[in-house]
Amino acid sequence: MAIKPTIFKLQISLSDVNRNYYDSLNLTVAQHPSETLERMMARVLAYCINAQEQLVFSRGISATEEPDIWAHTLDGNLSLWIDVGEPAIERIKKASHIAKAVKVYSFNSKSGVWWEQGRPRFAELSVAIFQFEWESIKALAALAQRTMDMSVTITGDSAYVASDKGECEVGWATLQAA
């Protein structure tokens, strides 16, 4: 019998000062059995950074032909493709041909090596690549609860996250602009 995903219900008060975007998000996030809590929370943060009306989580890890998060236009075209982690260059190259915008959010301890190995080939693509600070992603994961209320305030290259369990700040670096 297959192991089922763990479901998280998140109520997020989002304030994105960079984009002057403010919203209350009610997210249901499925953590795949093989997915770490750090990766799931990095997905939630990437969602918040890119929040917009048509943005949704895809089927995720179990759907290899889909990104982690995506947005379609009203006429069905793929407007935004977001991958979280260290995807293969071929995957991102393919995504750049089918989506108007592609973003990658790298987050773990090996992302520096991934970036250095792929940098020359990524430079040929119109893709935005960001790297979350690994220690702060671990702090963010420590705040996770199956049902939680949290506030996320984004300003500059960081997000301040507060919940009943505590608070943390997650910073990121822009490795490549689109």
Protein backbone atom coordinates (compact mmCIF):
# COMPACT_ATOMS: atom_id res chain seq x y z
CA MET A 1 0.00 0.00 0.00
CA ALA A 2 1.34 3.42 -0.95
CA ILE A 3 2.10 5.95 1.77
CA LYS A 4 -0.21 8.94 1.56
CA PRO A 5 0.96 12.56 1.65
CA THR A 6 0.74 14.61 4.83
CA ILE A 7 -1.70 17.49 4.47
CA PHE A 8 -0.96 20.95 5.89
CA LYS A 9 -3.56 23.72 6.17
CA LEU A 10 -1.99 27.18 6.18
CA GLN A 11 -3.65 30.54 6.80
CA ILE A 12 -1.15 33.17 5.64
CA SER A 13 -1.38 36.91 6.03
CA LEU A 14 0.89 38.05 3.20
CA SER A 15 2.47 41.49 2.88
CA ASP A 16 4.79 41.84 -0.10
CA VAL A 17 6.22 45.33 0.22
CA ASN A 18 8.34 44.86 -2.93
CA ARG A 19 5.29 44.44 -5.17
CA ASN A 20 2.78 46.34 -3.02
CA TYR A 21 0.78 43.09 -2.86
CA TYR A 22 -1.28 42.19 0.21
CA ASP A 23 -3.46 39.11 0.55
CA SER A 24 -4.86 36.49 2.88
CA LEU A 25 -3.97 33.05 1.59
CA ASN A 26 -5.70 29.81 2.55
CA LEU A 27 -3.37 27.09 1.33
CA THR A 28 -3.70 23.33 1.47
CA VAL A 29 -0.25 21.85 0.91
CA ALA A 30 0.46 18.15 0.44
CA GLN A 31 3.85 16.99 1.66
CA HIS A 32 4.84 14.00 -0.48
CA PRO A 33 6.13 11.05 1.60
CA SER A 34 9.62 11.48 0.10
CA GLU A 35 9.65 15.27 0.58
CA THR A 36 11.43 16.88 3.52
CA LEU A 37 9.73 19.48 5.67
CA GLU A 38 12.41 21.97 4.54
CA ARG A 39 11.52 21.46 0.87
CA MET A 40 7.80 21.80 1.55
CA MET A 41 8.29 25.05 3.44
CA ALA A 42 10.61 26.34 0.68
CA ARG A 43 7.70 25.66 -1.73
CA VAL A 44 5.35 27.64 0.52
CA LEU A 45 7.80 30.55 0.65
CA ALA A 46 8.30 30.50 -3.14
CA TYR A 47 4.50 30.57 -3.48
CA CYS A 48 4.29 33.62 -1.21
CA ILE A 49 7.05 35.46 -3.09
CA ASN A 50 5.19 34.94 -6.38
CA ALA A 51 1.58 35.11 -5.12
CA GLN A 52 -0.95 36.07 -7.77
CA GLU A 53 -4.50 35.16 -8.66
CA GLN A 54 -3.80 32.18 -10.95
CA LEU A 55 -0.91 30.67 -8.97
CA VAL A 56 -1.39 27.06 -7.77
CA PHE A 57 0.63 24.15 -6.47
CA SER A 58 0.91 21.41 -9.07
CA ARG A 59 0.79 17.69 -8.31
CA GLY A 60 4.43 18.12 -7.34
CA ILE A 61 7.00 15.35 -7.00
CA SER A 62 4.59 12.68 -8.25
CA ALA A 63 4.09 14.55 -11.56
CA THR A 64 7.54 14.75 -13.12
CA GLU A 65 6.39 16.80 -16.12
CA GLU A 66 4.99 19.58 -13.92
CA PRO A 67 6.75 22.25 -11.86
CA ASP A 68 6.20 22.61 -8.13
CA ILE A 69 4.11 25.74 -8.64
CA TRP A 70 2.63 27.25 -11.77
CA ALA A 71 0.26 29.86 -13.14
CA HIS A 72 -1.78 29.73 -16.31
CA THR A 73 -3.40 32.61 -18.12
CA LEU A 74 -7.17 32.60 -18.56
CA ASP A 75 -6.72 31.23 -22.08
CA GLY A 76 -4.70 28.26 -20.73
CA ASN A 77 -1.16 29.36 -21.59
CA LEU A 78 1.55 28.69 -19.03
CA SER A 79 2.65 32.07 -17.68
CA LEU A 80 4.88 31.02 -14.77
CA TRP A 81 6.83 27.84 -13.99
CA ILE A 82 8.46 27.57 -10.54
CA ASP A 83 10.75 24.72 -9.48
CA VAL A 84 12.07 24.36 -5.93
CA GLY A 85 15.34 22.52 -5.40
CA GLU A 86 18.15 21.79 -7.82
CA PRO A 87 16.49 20.73 -11.09
CA ALA A 88 18.37 19.39 -14.10
CA ILE A 89 19.36 21.95 -16.70
CA GLU A 90 17.47 20.02 -19.40
CA ARG A 91 14.26 20.33 -17.35
CA ILE A 92 14.66 24.09 -17.00
CA LYS A 93 15.57 24.47 -20.67
CA LYS A 94 12.36 22.64 -21.63
CA ALA A 95 10.36 24.80 -19.19
CA SER A 96 11.79 27.98 -20.70
CA HIS A 97 10.32 26.96 -24.07
CA ILE A 98 6.81 26.35 -22.75
CA ALA A 99 6.38 29.02 -20.05
CA LYS A 100 6.53 32.79 -20.35
CA ALA A 101 8.62 33.02 -17.14
CA VAL A 102 10.67 30.38 -15.30
CA LYS A 103 11.99 30.67 -11.75
CA VAL A 104 14.08 28.29 -9.68
CA TYR A 105 14.43 28.49 -5.89
CA SER A 106 17.40 26.47 -4.67
CA PHE A 107 17.49 25.90 -0.93
CA ASN A 108 19.70 23.19 0.52
CA SER A 109 23.29 22.64 1.58
CA LYS A 110 24.37 21.37 -1.85
CA SER A 111 22.81 24.17 -3.90
CA GLY A 112 26.14 26.05 -4.17
CA VAL A 113 27.74 23.08 -5.94
CA TRP A 114 24.64 22.66 -8.17
CA TRP A 115 24.83 26.34 -9.15
CA GLU A 116 28.57 26.35 -9.90
CA GLN A 117 28.27 23.24 -12.08
CA GLY A 118 25.28 24.55 -14.02
CA ARG A 119 26.03 28.28 -14.19
CA PRO A 120 27.47 28.38 -17.75
CA ARG A 121 24.48 26.50 -19.19
CA PHE A 122 21.89 28.39 -17.13
CA ALA A 123 23.41 31.65 -18.43
CA GLU A 124 22.17 30.68 -21.91
CA LEU A 125 18.55 30.55 -20.66
CA SER A 126 16.09 33.29 -19.76
CA VAL A 127 15.51 31.95 -16.26
CA ALA A 128 15.54 33.61 -12.83
CA ILE A 129 17.43 31.61 -10.20
CA PHE A 130 17.40 32.31 -6.47
CA GLN A 131 19.10 30.64 -3.53
CA PHE A 132 17.43 30.57 -0.11
CA GLU A 133 19.75 30.58 2.92
CA TRP A 134 19.85 26.95 4.07
CA GLU A 135 20.03 27.68 7.81
CA SER A 136 17.01 29.98 7.63
CA ILE A 137 15.02 27.38 5.64
CA LYS A 138 15.72 24.92 8.46
CA ALA A 139 14.45 27.54 10.95
CA LEU A 140 11.33 28.01 8.81
CA ALA A 141 10.71 24.25 8.72
CA ALA A 142 10.91 24.18 12.53
CA LEU A 143 7.82 26.45 12.61
CA ALA A 144 5.70 24.04 10.54
CA GLN A 145 2.52 22.59 12.01
CA ARG A 146 -0.25 20.61 10.31
CA THR A 147 -2.64 23.53 10.85
CA MET A 148 -1.10 26.94 11.24
CA ASP A 149 -1.65 30.67 11.04
CA MET A 150 1.33 32.66 9.92
CA SER A 151 2.25 36.07 8.63
CA VAL A 152 4.80 36.59 5.88
CA THR A 153 6.27 40.03 5.22
CA ILE A 154 8.49 40.28 2.16
CA THR A 155 10.83 43.21 1.73
CA GLY A 156 14.02 43.38 -0.29
CA ASP A 157 15.60 39.93 -0.51
CA SER A 158 14.11 38.50 2.65
CA ALA A 159 10.88 37.32 4.20
CA TYR A 160 10.00 37.70 7.86
CA VAL A 161 7.78 34.81 8.98
CA ALA A 162 5.87 34.73 12.25
CA SER A 163 3.62 32.00 13.66
CA ASP A 164 2.37 30.78 17.04
CA LYS A 165 5.44 28.55 17.24
CA GLY A 166 7.97 31.34 16.69
CA GLU A 167 9.49 33.54 14.03
CA CYS A 168 12.37 33.61 11.59
CA GLU A 169 13.74 35.56 8.68
CA VAL A 170 14.59 33.85 5.41
CA GLY A 171 16.94 35.62 3.05
CA TRP A 172 17.84 34.76 -0.51
CA ALA A 173 20.35 35.68 -3.15
CA THR A 174 19.58 36.30 -6.80
CA LEU A 175 21.97 34.04 -8.69
CA GLN A 176 20.60 34.92 -12.14
CA ALA A 177 17.97 37.40 -13.26
CA ALA A 178 15.72 36.48 -16.17
